[in-house]
Amino acid sequence: MTYRARVFALYAGTPGDTRDAELVDETIDLPRPQGDQLIAEPLYGCWAGNMTHALQRRPADICRQRNEPKVVLGNSGVVRVLDVGPDVRDLRPGQLCLLFSASVLDAYGYPIKAFAYDAPGTMGCLATRMLLRAHELLALPDGTRHDLARWAAFSGASITAWSNWELAFGTLRLQLHADELPAPHVWGWGGGTTLATLDLARRHGCRAVQLSADPGRRALIERAGVTALARDQFPALAFDEPRFASDLAYRRAYLDSEAAFLREVERRTGGEGVHVFVDYIGQPVWRATLKALARQGVVTTAGWKLGMSLGHLRAAECIARHQFIHTHFARRSQGLAAVAYAEAHDWLPEVDPPVAFDRVPELARAHADGRTGFYPIFAVNPP
């Protein structure tokens, strides 16, 4: 017995090809599950930044990295279990689950490679049926009171945020206790995972601010209870070191924007600076982030949107006792804790209206062009 699935596949590029890839609409057959495998039908998926990176083949062509001719993307979503292999014990047909992208794990359960991205032999939810392994799912609470489309976004961004915030906030509290600093200033650059982190921060009594140049996204930030700050007040705040050294007009414009940004930080924090800066952007904002950071401050990330290599003066960072946190998704115990907290406290993102599965290629282009919200949803087999 096999299961037929319609998929949108990403094919490997040719060496030197710099064009963005196009998704290919095709039909494949999946075998009946063996061992700890299972067959599931995606209900909703959430388009994520790693999917856009894969189509842009930056920082890598993941098909060639996996040594596979094609990959089916999509590791953030909600599925219904259809069939299970003989070794699956805790999941049953008909059960609703979150995709849990920790696929290849280290000895302590932390992810090394992500399901439906760089983990070989895995397929994602850009499919009407999918084959996966039991540890790549988290069961949803029975009879959950929350919308399944919101859970689809939660499964990627919010679980990532939970793990990252747990370590970042814990690191801050090792240096500055709650009686010394009851309401830390927490700011963020970035998109949906940043907003999920800042929402957690304000739930922990922090004063949270997110920067965005998009008015629609700023409205979403405000509805989440986080203060939105218009990034376009600082139009040249994108640092390019070679250009800074060679282009006088650019250098002046950059320094004006940086100074305006730092004045805003000083005003909003009463001169304390930012205690935790959530930075999913990287190199263009790194200089400004470090200048805005308070003593004993923390910079935290679980991503690398623009610039994978960063530099800083180690002596200055030691003297300031600045801490740098880097995480990659979450381990299972953290995913379970995040789900339980979300169900109890309504910590789930506000998502875009779902688009039909047929329109996934349009959604991919819209996301790459910045024409979506933080959490673009596609409906595959909506209930």
Protein backbone atom coordinates (compact mmCIF):
# COMPACT_ATOMS: atom_id res chain seq x y z
CA MET A 1 0.00 0.00 0.00
CA THR A 2 1.25 3.48 -0.85
CA TYR A 3 -0.02 7.00 -0.17
CA ARG A 4 -0.22 9.47 -3.03
CA ALA A 5 0.73 13.07 -2.23
CA ARG A 6 0.72 16.32 -4.11
CA VAL A 7 3.83 18.34 -3.21
CA PHE A 8 5.61 21.57 -4.06
CA ALA A 9 9.22 20.45 -4.51
CA LEU A 10 12.46 22.40 -4.53
CA TYR A 11 15.01 20.98 -6.98
CA ALA A 12 18.78 21.30 -6.73
CA GLY A 13 20.34 24.16 -8.62
CA THR A 14 23.30 24.08 -10.95
CA PRO A 15 26.69 25.39 -9.77
CA GLY A 16 26.92 29.15 -10.19
CA ASP A 17 23.17 29.67 -10.71
CA THR A 18 22.17 32.74 -8.67
CA ARG A 19 18.49 32.83 -9.62
CA ASP A 20 15.82 32.10 -7.02
CA ALA A 21 14.34 28.64 -7.38
CA GLU A 22 10.72 27.98 -8.37
CA LEU A 23 8.62 25.40 -6.57
CA VAL A 24 7.56 22.47 -8.74
CA ASP A 25 4.00 21.16 -8.37
CA GLU A 26 4.08 17.38 -8.71
CA THR A 27 2.71 14.10 -7.36
CA ILE A 28 4.73 11.49 -5.47
CA ASP A 29 4.02 8.15 -3.81
CA LEU A 30 4.89 7.49 -0.16
CA PRO A 31 5.40 4.02 1.28
CA ARG A 32 3.45 2.63 4.20
CA PRO A 33 5.26 3.61 7.44
CA GLN A 34 7.79 1.24 8.95
CA GLY A 35 9.38 1.21 12.41
CA ASP A 36 8.94 4.63 14.07
CA GLN A 37 7.66 6.26 10.89
CA LEU A 38 4.15 7.59 10.32
CA ILE A 39 2.01 9.12 7.59
CA ALA A 40 0.29 12.42 8.35
CA GLU A 41 -1.81 14.92 6.43
CA PRO A 42 -0.88 18.57 6.97
CA LEU A 43 -3.83 20.79 7.87
CA TYR A 44 -2.04 24.16 8.01
CA GLY A 45 1.53 25.23 7.43
CA CYS A 46 3.36 28.47 8.14
CA TRP A 47 5.80 29.90 5.62
CA ALA A 48 9.06 30.63 7.43
CA GLY A 49 12.28 32.45 6.68
CA ASN A 50 14.25 29.23 6.24
CA MET A 51 11.98 28.33 3.32
CA THR A 52 12.73 31.63 1.59
CA HIS A 53 16.46 31.09 2.25
CA ALA A 54 16.17 27.64 0.64
CA LEU A 55 14.53 29.07 -2.49
CA GLN A 56 17.21 31.76 -2.68
CA ARG A 57 19.84 29.03 -2.18
CA ARG A 58 21.45 31.22 0.50
CA PRO A 59 23.52 30.48 2.49
CA ALA A 60 23.47 27.07 0.79
CA ASP A 61 21.69 24.96 -1.79
CA ILE A 62 20.11 22.55 0.68
CA CYS A 63 19.40 19.90 -1.99
CA ARG A 64 23.10 19.73 -2.86
CA GLN A 65 23.97 19.94 0.86
CA ARG A 66 21.74 16.92 1.48
CA ASN A 67 23.00 15.20 -1.69
CA GLU A 68 19.39 14.81 -2.84
CA PRO A 69 17.85 15.89 -6.16
CA LYS A 70 14.86 17.58 -4.52
CA VAL A 71 13.46 18.57 -1.13
CA VAL A 72 9.93 19.20 0.13
CA LEU A 73 10.15 22.15 2.54
CA GLY A 74 7.99 23.19 5.46
CA ASN A 75 8.78 22.45 9.13
CA SER A 76 6.18 24.63 10.83
CA GLY A 77 2.62 23.32 10.81
CA VAL A 78 -0.21 21.22 12.22
CA VAL A 79 -0.92 17.71 10.96
CA ARG A 80 -3.38 14.87 11.52
CA VAL A 81 -1.87 11.40 11.92
CA LEU A 82 -3.20 8.91 9.35
CA ASP A 83 -1.12 5.76 9.80
CA VAL A 84 1.66 4.68 12.17
CA GLY A 85 4.49 2.19 12.01
CA PRO A 86 4.70 -0.75 14.43
CA ASP A 87 7.20 0.97 16.75
CA VAL A 88 5.13 4.14 17.29
CA ARG A 89 3.73 4.03 20.83
CA ASP A 90 2.50 7.49 21.82
CA LEU A 91 0.70 8.66 18.68
CA ARG A 92 -2.45 7.27 17.06
CA PRO A 93 -4.38 7.77 13.81
CA GLY A 94 -6.64 10.80 14.00
CA GLN A 95 -4.47 12.64 16.51
CA LEU A 96 -3.58 16.30 15.89
CA CYS A 97 0.10 17.20 16.24
CA LEU A 98 2.58 20.00 15.75
CA LEU A 99 5.57 19.54 13.51
CA PHE A 100 8.67 19.55 15.68
CA SER A 101 11.69 20.28 13.52
CA ALA A 102 14.40 18.84 15.80
CA SER A 103 15.28 15.92 13.53
CA VAL A 104 18.97 15.06 13.97
CA LEU A 105 19.83 15.40 17.67
CA ASP A 106 22.92 15.44 19.86
CA ALA A 107 23.34 13.25 22.92
CA TYR A 108 21.34 15.69 25.07
CA GLY A 109 18.42 16.07 22.68
CA TYR A 110 19.37 19.43 21.21
CA PRO A 111 18.88 19.68 17.43
CA ILE A 112 21.79 19.57 15.03
CA LYS A 113 19.80 19.48 11.79
CA ALA A 114 16.26 20.60 11.08
CA PHE A 115 13.51 18.41 9.73
CA ALA A 116 12.42 19.44 6.19
CA TYR A 117 15.47 21.64 5.83
CA ASP A 118 19.03 20.33 6.22
CA ALA A 119 18.21 16.92 7.77
CA PRO A 120 18.67 14.31 5.03
CA GLY A 121 15.71 12.14 4.05
CA THR A 122 13.05 14.38 5.61
CA MET A 123 10.07 16.03 3.91
CA GLY A 124 7.92 18.94 5.02
CA CYS A 125 4.35 20.16 4.94
CA LEU A 126 4.34 21.55 1.40
CA ALA A 127 2.53 18.29 0.73
CA THR A 128 -0.95 16.82 1.03
CA ARG A 129 0.56 13.75 2.76
CA MET A 130 3.93 13.38 4.42
CA LEU A 131 6.17 10.64 5.78
CA LEU A 132 7.99 11.45 9.02
CA ARG A 133 9.26 9.94 12.27
CA ALA A 134 7.49 10.01 15.59
CA HIS A 135 10.04 12.27 17.33
CA GLU A 136 9.37 14.94 14.68
CA LEU A 137 5.89 15.56 16.13
CA LEU A 138 4.46 16.99 19.35
CA ALA A 139 0.89 16.05 20.24
CA LEU A 140 -1.50 18.98 20.57
CA PRO A 141 -3.56 19.16 23.76
CA ASP A 142 -6.76 17.16 23.28
CA GLY A 143 -9.61 19.51 22.44
CA THR A 144 -7.33 22.55 22.29
CA ARG A 145 -9.27 25.80 22.61
CA HIS A 146 -7.00 27.62 20.16
CA ASP A 147 -7.20 27.97 16.39
CA LEU A 148 -5.13 25.39 14.50
CA ALA A 149 -3.71 27.99 12.11
CA ARG A 150 -2.21 29.81 15.09
CA TRP A 151 -0.70 26.54 16.32
CA ALA A 152 0.88 26.09 12.86
CA ALA A 153 2.85 29.32 13.31
CA PHE A 154 3.58 28.49 16.95
CA SER A 155 5.28 25.21 16.06
CA GLY A 156 8.26 27.00 14.54
CA ALA A 157 8.60 30.58 15.75
CA SER A 158 7.21 30.26 19.25
CA ILE A 159 9.01 27.07 20.25
CA THR A 160 12.25 28.62 18.98
CA ALA A 161 11.47 31.74 21.02
CA TRP A 162 10.74 29.71 24.16
CA SER A 163 14.11 27.97 24.14
CA ASN A 164 16.00 31.12 23.27
CA TRP A 165 14.27 33.31 25.87
CA GLU A 166 14.74 30.70 28.59
CA LEU A 167 18.52 30.84 28.14
CA ALA A 168 18.80 34.59 27.47
CA PHE A 169 16.64 35.66 30.41
CA GLY A 170 18.27 33.09 32.68
CA THR A 171 21.69 34.47 31.73
CA LEU A 172 20.59 38.03 32.53
CA ARG A 173 19.23 36.91 35.88
CA LEU A 174 22.53 35.21 36.76
CA GLN A 175 24.11 38.68 36.60
CA LEU A 176 21.24 40.94 37.74
CA HIS A 177 18.63 39.54 40.11
CA ALA A 178 14.95 40.53 40.09
CA ASP A 179 15.32 42.64 43.23
CA GLU A 180 18.10 44.63 41.52
CA LEU A 181 16.42 44.95 38.11
CA PRO A 182 12.69 44.20 38.35
CA ALA A 183 11.71 45.34 34.84
CA PRO A 184 14.50 44.87 32.27
CA HIS A 185 14.44 46.65 28.92
CA VAL A 186 14.18 44.06 26.12
CA TRP A 187 14.34 45.21 22.47
CA GLY A 188 14.33 43.29 19.22
CA TRP A 189 15.22 43.40 15.53
CA GLY A 190 13.55 40.86 13.29
CA GLY A 191 10.20 39.26 12.54
CA GLY A 192 7.87 36.64 13.95
CA THR A 193 10.31 34.81 16.21
CA THR A 194 11.46 38.14 17.63
CA LEU A 195 7.84 39.11 18.35
CA ALA A 196 7.17 35.76 20.05
CA THR A 197 10.26 36.32 22.23
CA LEU A 198 9.27 39.88 23.13
CA ASP A 199 5.74 38.72 23.99
CA LEU A 200 7.32 36.26 26.42
CA ALA A 201 9.54 39.02 27.78
CA ARG A 202 6.63 41.32 28.57
CA ARG A 203 4.84 38.39 30.23
CA HIS A 204 7.92 38.12 32.47
CA GLY A 205 7.59 41.76 33.51
CA CYS A 206 10.02 43.24 31.00
CA ARG A 207 9.57 46.46 29.04
CA ALA A 208 9.57 45.20 25.45
CA VAL A 209 10.17 47.16 22.22
CA GLN A 210 10.34 45.87 18.64
CA LEU A 211 11.59 47.85 15.66
CA SER A 212 9.86 47.59 12.30
CA ALA A 213 9.65 49.78 9.20
CA ASP A 214 6.27 48.34 8.17
CA PRO A 215 3.12 50.03 9.56
CA GLY A 216 1.06 46.85 9.32
CA ARG A 217 3.63 44.87 11.26
CA ARG A 218 3.89 47.64 13.85
CA ALA A 219 0.13 47.37 14.40
CA LEU A 220 0.53 43.61 14.93
CA ILE A 221 3.35 44.24 17.40
CA GLU A 222 1.18 46.64 19.39
CA ARG A 223 -1.74 44.17 19.46
CA ALA A 224 0.64 41.65 21.03
CA GLY A 225 1.25 44.07 23.88
CA VAL A 226 4.76 45.01 22.74
CA THR A 227 5.78 48.61 22.02
CA ALA A 228 6.44 49.18 18.31
CA LEU A 229 9.14 51.60 17.22
CA ALA A 230 9.31 52.82 13.61
CA ARG A 231 12.67 51.76 12.21
CA ASP A 232 12.35 54.21 9.31
CA GLN A 233 13.17 56.98 11.78
CA PHE A 234 16.74 55.73 11.33
CA PRO A 235 16.86 55.29 7.54
CA ALA A 236 20.59 54.70 7.11
CA LEU A 237 21.00 52.32 10.08
CA ALA A 238 22.54 49.49 8.06
CA PHE A 239 26.27 49.23 8.66
CA ASP A 240 28.59 48.34 5.77
CA GLU A 241 32.21 48.52 6.91
CA PRO A 242 33.95 48.89 3.50
CA ARG A 243 31.45 51.53 2.43
CA PHE A 244 31.76 53.28 5.79
CA ALA A 245 35.51 53.57 5.17
CA SER A 246 35.29 54.77 1.55
CA ASP A 247 32.03 56.73 1.11
CA LEU A 248 31.89 60.00 3.05
CA ALA A 249 28.21 60.69 2.32
CA TYR A 250 27.21 57.20 3.43
CA ARG A 251 29.35 57.49 6.59
CA ARG A 252 27.69 60.76 7.57
CA ALA A 253 24.20 59.39 6.91
CA TYR A 254 24.94 56.24 8.89
CA LEU A 255 26.34 58.14 11.86
CA ASP A 256 23.31 60.46 11.90
CA SER A 257 20.94 57.46 11.99
CA GLU A 258 23.00 55.65 14.60
CA ALA A 259 23.10 58.73 16.82
CA ALA A 260 19.32 59.18 16.49
CA PHE A 261 18.78 55.53 17.38
CA LEU A 262 21.02 55.70 20.44
CA ARG A 263 19.27 58.88 21.61
CA GLU A 264 15.96 57.00 21.36
CA VAL A 265 17.39 54.09 23.35
CA GLU A 266 18.64 56.49 26.00
CA ARG A 267 15.28 58.26 26.18
CA ARG A 268 13.19 55.11 26.43
CA THR A 269 15.46 53.32 28.90
CA GLY A 270 16.27 56.31 31.10
CA GLY A 271 19.92 55.98 30.17
CA GLU A 272 20.19 52.34 31.31
CA GLY A 273 20.47 50.84 27.84
CA VAL A 274 18.92 47.61 26.59
CA HIS A 275 19.31 44.66 28.95
CA VAL A 276 18.41 41.97 26.40
CA PHE A 277 18.60 42.67 22.66
CA VAL A 278 16.94 40.04 20.46
CA ASP A 279 18.78 40.21 17.12
CA TYR A 280 17.78 38.01 14.20
CA ILE A 281 19.30 40.39 11.61
CA GLY A 282 23.03 40.34 12.26
CA GLN A 283 25.78 42.32 10.59
CA PRO A 284 23.91 45.47 9.42
CA VAL A 285 22.67 46.23 12.96
CA TRP A 286 25.43 44.62 15.03
CA ARG A 287 27.36 47.82 15.71
CA ALA A 288 24.23 49.69 16.83
CA THR A 289 23.09 46.73 18.95
CA LEU A 290 26.33 46.63 20.91
CA LYS A 291 26.29 50.39 21.45
CA ALA A 292 22.69 50.20 22.73
CA LEU A 293 23.40 47.33 25.12
CA ALA A 294 23.45 47.96 28.87
CA ARG A 295 26.27 46.76 31.10
CA GLN A 296 25.66 43.12 32.02
CA GLY A 297 23.45 43.03 28.90
CA VAL A 298 22.65 40.05 26.69
CA VAL A 299 22.43 39.78 22.91
CA THR A 300 20.45 36.73 21.86
CA THR A 301 19.57 35.03 18.59
CA ALA A 302 18.52 31.75 17.02
CA GLY A 303 18.96 32.91 13.43
CA TRP A 304 21.24 34.62 10.94
CA LYS A 305 19.20 36.55 8.38
CA LEU A 306 21.85 39.04 7.19
CA GLY A 307 25.46 38.29 7.98
CA MET A 308 26.65 35.03 9.49
CA SER A 309 30.03 36.42 10.59
CA LEU A 310 30.20 39.15 13.22
CA GLY A 311 33.09 40.91 14.93
CA HIS A 312 33.58 42.70 18.22
CA LEU A 313 36.33 43.89 20.54
CA ARG A 314 36.67 41.16 23.13
CA ALA A 315 38.26 43.38 25.78
CA ALA A 316 35.39 45.89 25.65
CA GLU A 317 32.78 43.13 25.82
CA CYS A 318 34.52 41.49 28.78
CA ILE A 319 34.68 44.78 30.69
CA ALA A 320 30.98 45.41 30.01
CA ARG A 321 30.14 41.79 30.96
CA HIS A 322 28.12 41.42 27.78
CA GLN A 323 26.82 37.92 27.08
CA PHE A 324 26.08 36.43 23.65
CA ILE A 325 23.42 33.71 23.40
CA HIS A 326 23.02 31.45 20.36
CA THR A 327 20.36 28.73 20.18
CA HIS A 328 18.96 26.48 17.46
CA PHE A 329 15.25 25.57 17.81
CA ALA A 330 14.64 23.55 21.01
CA ARG A 331 14.82 20.16 22.65
CA ARG A 332 11.70 18.13 23.29
CA SER A 333 11.20 19.05 26.94
CA GLN A 334 11.23 22.72 25.96
CA GLY A 335 8.70 22.12 23.19
CA LEU A 336 6.36 20.37 25.61
CA ALA A 337 6.71 23.19 28.15
CA ALA A 338 6.03 25.81 25.47
CA VAL A 339 2.88 24.01 24.30
CA ALA A 340 1.55 23.69 27.85
CA TYR A 341 2.19 27.38 28.55
CA ALA A 342 0.58 28.47 25.29
CA GLU A 343 -2.55 26.41 25.87
CA ALA A 344 -2.96 27.80 29.38
CA HIS A 345 -2.02 31.43 28.72
CA ASP A 346 -3.02 32.08 25.07
CA TRP A 347 0.59 32.64 24.06
CA LEU A 348 0.04 32.04 20.36
CA PRO A 349 0.72 34.40 17.45
CA GLU A 350 -1.82 36.38 15.47
CA VAL A 351 -1.52 34.95 11.95
CA ASP A 352 -2.29 36.06 8.40
CA PRO A 353 -5.52 34.69 6.89
CA PRO A 354 -4.72 31.26 5.41
CA VAL A 355 -4.19 31.04 1.65
CA ALA A 356 -5.14 27.98 -0.39
CA PHE A 357 -2.51 25.32 -1.06
CA ASP A 358 -2.67 26.11 -4.79
CA ARG A 359 -1.37 29.60 -4.00
CA VAL A 360 1.79 28.53 -2.17
CA PRO A 361 4.11 29.73 -4.98
CA GLU A 362 2.46 33.18 -4.79
CA LEU A 363 2.90 33.15 -1.03
CA ALA A 364 6.59 32.32 -1.44
CA ARG A 365 7.11 35.34 -3.70
CA ALA A 366 5.11 37.62 -1.40
CA HIS A 367 7.21 36.59 1.60
CA ALA A 368 10.47 37.16 -0.27
CA ASP A 369 9.24 40.65 -1.24
CA GLY A 370 8.15 41.52 2.32
CA ARG A 371 4.45 41.56 1.42
CA THR A 372 3.22 39.25 4.19
CA GLY A 373 2.74 39.56 7.91
CA PHE A 374 5.02 37.85 10.39
CA TYR A 375 3.14 34.53 10.16
CA PRO A 376 1.95 33.64 6.60
CA ILE A 377 -0.33 30.59 6.73
CA PHE A 378 -1.25 28.15 3.96
CA ALA A 379 -4.13 25.68 4.23
CA VAL A 380 -3.34 22.19 2.91
CA ASN A 381 -6.18 19.97 4.21
CA PRO A 382 -8.10 22.39 6.43
CA PRO A 383 -10.53 20.68 8.84
